[in-house]
Amino acid sequence: MIKNIILITSLLFLFSCNNGMLSSNNKVEVDTVHSEEYEYIQLQVKMHKAYTLLKAFNSGAISQEEYDQLKKELI
């Protein structure tokens, strides 16, 4: 039972890391318009991710080194 859970979890992790592995190579390029609203939404997303990282660090789920590295990648 535990082996099945570990197998499924690892497969989900592997497939989530390989976004384009199963998709076709025909990608449509879309021009994005960076308006003030878009920038504001992106800032909110970054703030939420930073807060989530801080909560994980404070709860002991990640170490100081991991926290610093993830925060540096985010910012």
Protein backbone atom coordinates (compact mmCIF):
# COMPACT_ATOMS: atom_id res chain seq x y z
CA MET A 1 0.00 0.00 0.00
CA ILE A 2 2.75 2.43 0.95
CA LYS A 3 4.72 1.45 -2.16
CA ASN A 4 1.73 2.36 -4.33
CA ILE A 5 1.39 5.77 -2.67
CA ILE A 6 5.10 6.49 -3.10
CA LEU A 7 4.99 5.35 -6.74
CA ILE A 8 1.98 7.51 -7.59
CA THR A 9 3.42 10.53 -5.79
CA SER A 10 6.77 10.20 -7.55
CA LEU A 11 5.09 9.82 -10.94
CA LEU A 12 2.98 12.91 -10.35
CA PHE A 13 6.10 14.83 -9.34
CA LEU A 14 8.01 13.70 -12.43
CA PHE A 15 5.19 14.55 -14.81
CA SER A 16 4.66 17.95 -13.21
CA CYS A 17 8.35 18.78 -13.70
CA ASN A 18 8.27 17.81 -17.39
CA ASN A 19 5.65 20.21 -18.73
CA GLY A 20 6.36 19.74 -22.42
CA MET A 21 7.17 16.05 -22.41
CA LEU A 22 3.74 14.84 -23.49
CA SER A 23 2.61 17.93 -25.37
CA SER A 24 3.21 18.55 -29.03
CA ASN A 25 5.97 20.79 -30.32
CA ASN A 26 3.50 22.99 -32.20
CA LYS A 27 3.27 25.93 -29.84
CA VAL A 28 1.40 29.06 -30.73
CA GLU A 29 3.20 32.25 -29.82
CA VAL A 30 0.92 34.78 -28.20
CA ASP A 31 1.86 38.42 -27.77
CA THR A 32 1.28 39.42 -24.19
CA VAL A 33 0.25 42.90 -23.28
CA HIS A 34 1.86 44.03 -20.05
CA SER A 35 -0.56 46.50 -18.62
CA GLU A 36 -0.55 47.97 -15.13
CA GLU A 37 -3.21 45.49 -14.09
CA TYR A 38 -1.09 42.57 -15.28
CA GLU A 39 1.94 43.84 -13.38
CA TYR A 40 -0.19 44.30 -10.25
CA ILE A 41 -1.49 40.73 -10.47
CA GLN A 42 2.05 39.39 -10.95
CA LEU A 43 3.17 41.34 -7.87
CA GLN A 44 0.31 39.86 -5.84
CA VAL A 45 1.29 36.35 -6.96
CA LYS A 46 4.91 36.93 -5.92
CA MET A 47 3.82 38.30 -2.54
CA HIS A 48 1.63 35.25 -1.96
CA LYS A 49 4.50 32.90 -2.85
CA ALA A 50 6.86 34.80 -0.54
CA TYR A 51 4.32 34.56 2.30
CA THR A 52 3.91 30.84 1.67
CA LEU A 53 7.69 30.39 1.80
CA LEU A 54 7.85 32.30 5.08
CA LYS A 55 5.10 30.13 6.57
CA ALA A 56 6.92 26.97 5.48
CA PHE A 57 10.16 28.26 7.00
CA ASN A 58 8.49 29.24 10.28
CA SER A 59 6.80 25.85 10.58
CA GLY A 60 10.10 24.04 10.00
CA ALA A 61 9.11 22.48 6.69
CA ILE A 62 12.14 23.97 4.94
CA SER A 63 15.60 24.92 6.18
CA GLN A 64 17.19 28.37 6.22
CA GLU A 65 19.30 27.53 3.16
CA GLU A 66 16.27 26.33 1.19
CA TYR A 67 14.30 29.40 2.24
CA ASP A 68 17.08 31.77 1.16
CA GLN A 69 17.52 30.00 -2.18
CA LEU A 70 13.78 29.92 -2.99
CA LYS A 71 13.34 33.54 -1.94
CA LYS A 72 16.28 34.58 -4.14
CA GLU A 73 14.76 32.70 -7.12
CA LEU A 74 11.39 34.32 -6.50
CA ILE A 75 12.68 37.85 -6.27
